[in-house]
Protein backbone atom coordinates (compact mmCIF):
# COMPACT_ATOMS: atom_id res chain seq x y z
CA MET A 1 19.31 8.73 -5.00
CA LEU A 2 17.66 8.97 -8.88
CA GLU A 3 14.19 9.31 -8.72
CA VAL A 4 12.87 6.95 -11.74
CA ASP A 5 9.13 6.85 -12.82
CA PRO A 6 8.54 3.44 -14.25
CA TYR A 7 5.25 4.49 -15.19
CA ALA A 8 6.36 7.76 -17.10
CA ALA A 9 8.50 5.05 -19.06
CA LEU A 10 5.70 2.79 -20.16
CA GLN A 11 3.84 5.74 -20.81
CA ALA A 12 6.58 6.41 -23.09
CA LEU A 13 6.69 3.36 -24.39
CA ARG A 14 3.05 2.78 -25.05
CA PRO A 15 0.72 5.60 -24.52
CA VAL A 16 -2.46 5.20 -22.85
CA GLY A 17 -5.12 7.03 -20.92
CA ARG A 18 -5.23 8.31 -17.68
CA PHE A 19 -7.77 8.30 -15.03
CA GLU A 20 -8.10 9.49 -11.36
CA VAL A 21 -7.23 7.51 -8.14
CA THR A 22 -8.05 8.43 -4.85
CA SER A 23 -7.78 7.36 -0.94
CA THR A 24 -9.35 8.08 2.16
CA ASP A 25 -6.20 7.60 3.97
CA PHE A 26 -3.89 9.52 2.31
CA GLU A 27 -3.04 12.48 -0.65
CA ASP A 28 -1.25 12.12 -3.93
CA GLY A 29 2.53 12.74 -2.78
CA GLU A 30 2.14 12.47 1.00
CA PRO A 31 3.25 9.88 3.59
CA LEU A 32 1.35 7.01 4.11
CA PRO A 33 -0.41 6.76 7.93
CA LEU A 34 0.89 4.54 10.37
CA PRO A 35 -2.00 1.70 9.66
CA LEU A 36 -0.41 1.44 5.73
CA GLN A 37 2.75 0.47 7.25
CA ALA A 38 4.83 -1.94 8.07
CA SER A 39 6.78 -1.48 10.36
CA GLY A 40 7.51 1.40 13.51
CA PRO A 41 5.55 2.38 16.06
CA GLY A 42 1.69 2.22 15.75
CA ALA A 43 2.14 0.13 12.26
CA GLY A 44 -0.65 -1.78 10.77
CA ASP A 45 0.30 -3.47 7.28
CA ARG A 46 -3.09 -2.73 6.12
CA SER A 47 -4.03 -1.89 2.74
CA PRO A 48 -5.41 1.55 1.62
CA GLN A 49 -8.61 2.60 0.89
CA LEU A 50 -8.71 2.97 -2.98
CA SER A 51 -11.57 4.34 -5.34
CA TRP A 52 -11.50 5.42 -8.90
CA SER A 53 -13.36 7.01 -11.67
CA GLY A 54 -12.84 8.71 -15.36
CA PHE A 55 -11.61 5.36 -16.89
CA PRO A 56 -12.61 4.46 -20.55
CA ALA A 57 -16.32 3.12 -21.21
CA GLY A 58 -14.60 -0.07 -23.00
CA THR A 59 -12.81 -1.41 -19.88
CA ALA A 60 -13.62 -5.06 -18.90
CA SER A 61 -11.15 -5.29 -15.65
CA PHE A 62 -8.85 -3.74 -13.81
CA ALA A 63 -5.60 -4.73 -11.68
CA VAL A 64 -4.14 -2.94 -8.75
CA THR A 65 -0.36 -3.32 -7.97
CA CYS A 66 1.76 -1.21 -5.33
CA PHE A 67 5.19 -0.98 -6.51
CA ASP A 68 8.41 0.95 -4.71
CA PRO A 69 10.50 1.89 -7.30
CA ASP A 70 13.18 3.32 -4.45
CA ALA A 71 13.61 0.30 -2.78
CA PRO A 72 17.55 -0.33 -2.67
CA THR A 73 17.72 -3.43 -5.04
CA ALA A 74 17.61 -3.38 -8.73
CA SER A 75 14.68 -4.17 -9.26
CA GLY A 76 12.29 -2.22 -6.97
CA TRP A 77 9.75 -3.85 -4.36
CA TRP A 78 6.37 -5.15 -5.46
CA HIS A 79 4.00 -4.70 -2.33
CA TRP A 80 0.88 -5.82 -3.51
CA ALA A 81 -0.89 -7.24 -7.09
CA VAL A 82 -4.41 -7.69 -7.70
CA ALA A 83 -5.70 -8.96 -11.13
CA ASN A 84 -9.37 -9.86 -12.80
CA ILE A 85 -11.28 -7.05 -10.66
CA PRO A 86 -14.44 -6.82 -12.33
CA ALA A 87 -14.87 -3.95 -14.15
CA ASP A 88 -18.10 -2.38 -11.96
CA VAL A 89 -15.97 -2.26 -8.96
CA THR A 90 -14.27 1.12 -8.81
CA SER A 91 -13.40 1.19 -5.36
CA LEU A 92 -11.79 -1.26 -2.54
CA PRO A 93 -12.00 -1.11 0.90
CA PRO A 94 -9.36 -0.51 3.83
CA GLY A 95 -7.64 -3.59 4.43
CA ALA A 96 -8.50 -5.61 1.17
CA GLY A 97 -5.22 -7.16 0.48
CA GLU A 98 -5.17 -8.85 3.96
CA ALA A 99 -4.12 -12.73 3.57
CA GLY A 100 -6.76 -14.54 1.59
CA GLY A 101 -8.17 -11.85 -0.58
CA PHE A 102 -11.58 -12.35 1.46
CA ARG A 103 -12.09 -8.68 1.20
CA LEU A 104 -11.93 -8.46 -2.59
CA PRO A 105 -14.06 -8.54 -5.08
CA ARG A 106 -15.39 -12.17 -6.20
CA GLY A 107 -13.12 -13.98 -8.87
CA ALA A 108 -9.99 -11.30 -7.98
CA LEU A 109 -6.86 -12.99 -8.30
CA VAL A 110 -3.86 -12.12 -5.53
CA LEU A 111 -0.40 -12.67 -6.93
CA GLY A 112 2.55 -12.90 -4.31
CA ASN A 113 4.62 -10.02 -3.31
CA GLU A 114 8.02 -9.72 -2.84
CA THR A 115 8.30 -12.01 -0.36
CA GLY A 116 5.76 -14.50 -1.79
CA GLU A 117 2.83 -13.93 0.49
CA HIS A 118 -0.49 -13.55 -1.34
CA ARG A 119 -1.11 -10.02 0.36
CA TYR A 120 -0.59 -6.14 0.70
CA ALA A 121 2.62 -5.54 2.34
CA GLY A 122 2.80 -2.54 4.21
CA SER A 123 5.49 0.19 3.26
CA SER A 124 8.85 -0.46 4.93
CA PRO A 125 11.82 1.30 3.85
CA PRO A 126 15.43 0.07 5.24
CA PRO A 127 17.15 2.21 7.53
CA GLY A 128 19.36 4.94 5.59
CA SER A 129 17.69 4.30 2.30
CA GLY A 130 15.80 7.97 2.32
CA VAL A 131 12.36 8.52 1.08
CA HIS A 132 10.39 5.84 -0.88
CA ARG A 133 7.21 5.81 -3.14
CA TYR A 134 4.77 4.04 -3.02
CA PHE A 135 2.73 3.37 -6.28
CA PHE A 136 -0.89 2.70 -6.43
CA VAL A 137 -1.83 1.84 -9.89
CA VAL A 138 -5.24 1.33 -10.96
CA THR A 139 -4.97 0.01 -14.48
CA ALA A 140 -7.89 -0.53 -17.16
CA LEU A 141 -8.19 -3.55 -19.38
CA ASP A 142 -9.87 -4.35 -22.39
CA VAL A 143 -10.39 -7.97 -21.22
CA PRO A 144 -12.55 -9.16 -18.75
CA ARG A 145 -9.71 -12.04 -17.19
CA LEU A 146 -6.01 -12.17 -17.62
CA ASP A 147 -4.87 -15.86 -17.84
CA LEU A 148 -2.72 -15.90 -14.90
CA ASP A 149 -1.28 -19.20 -12.65
CA PRO A 150 -1.86 -18.06 -9.24
CA ASP A 151 2.09 -17.89 -8.53
CA ALA A 152 2.88 -15.67 -11.28
CA THR A 153 4.73 -12.71 -10.36
CA PRO A 154 3.67 -8.78 -10.25
CA ALA A 155 6.16 -8.56 -13.29
CA VAL A 156 4.31 -11.25 -15.28
CA LEU A 157 1.37 -9.48 -14.40
CA GLY A 158 2.51 -6.46 -15.85
CA GLY A 159 3.60 -8.08 -19.00
CA ARG A 160 0.44 -9.71 -19.95
CA SER A 161 -1.26 -6.63 -19.26
CA PHE A 162 0.71 -4.44 -21.45
CA ALA A 163 -1.28 -4.91 -24.43
CA HIS A 164 -4.44 -4.94 -22.83
CA THR A 165 -4.27 -1.27 -21.05
CA LEU A 166 -6.57 1.28 -21.74
CA ALA A 167 -5.91 3.46 -19.32
CA ARG A 168 -3.65 3.70 -16.35
CA GLY A 169 -4.56 5.65 -12.87
CA ILE A 170 -1.54 6.55 -10.30
CA LEU A 171 -1.77 7.27 -6.70
CA VAL A 172 1.50 7.72 -5.27
CA GLY A 173 2.51 8.16 -1.17
CA THR A 174 5.60 8.23 0.44
CA ALA A 175 7.59 6.78 3.57
CA VAL A 176 10.46 6.67 5.56
CA ASN A 177 12.15 4.38 7.93
CA PRO A 178 11.26 5.42 11.72
CA ALA A 179 14.53 5.68 12.32
CA ASP A 180 15.74 8.27 9.63
CA ALA A 181 12.78 10.18 10.32
């Protein structure tokens, strides 16, 4: 399978700064633990703990997304998208992606994932599709709020944030279908 990095393509189109994103749940490039997966024995469908630092001083808000470019579609698979996270928030607790967004900061907007649910959807590669990469991306924006319809898609979030992006932090986890392991 051809490994495409959609964020490298964005960086080539419009270069922006970079900053660090970490998680207490997994290391960059390592497999996602079972609690973050949607299928398989012990799976929990829970969003990871995320922290970020080193973003530009002019940051007015953040967006957080999780995207799988390796899904067997022509457009990848959005697992999570959150906009309008206040600039003074520099981490999200484990499980912040639960339905209803109750563990997210006040004012944050959860958009629908690929199945239309307004929550984090854990990794679930189809059998025979190989190793999938899950790009957890925190985007530092120069506006305090993006005007988004609650039913907007993650792609709309990407389009609206493109001109407002100051910097981007990326943390990648991997997963494979348990039948293929």
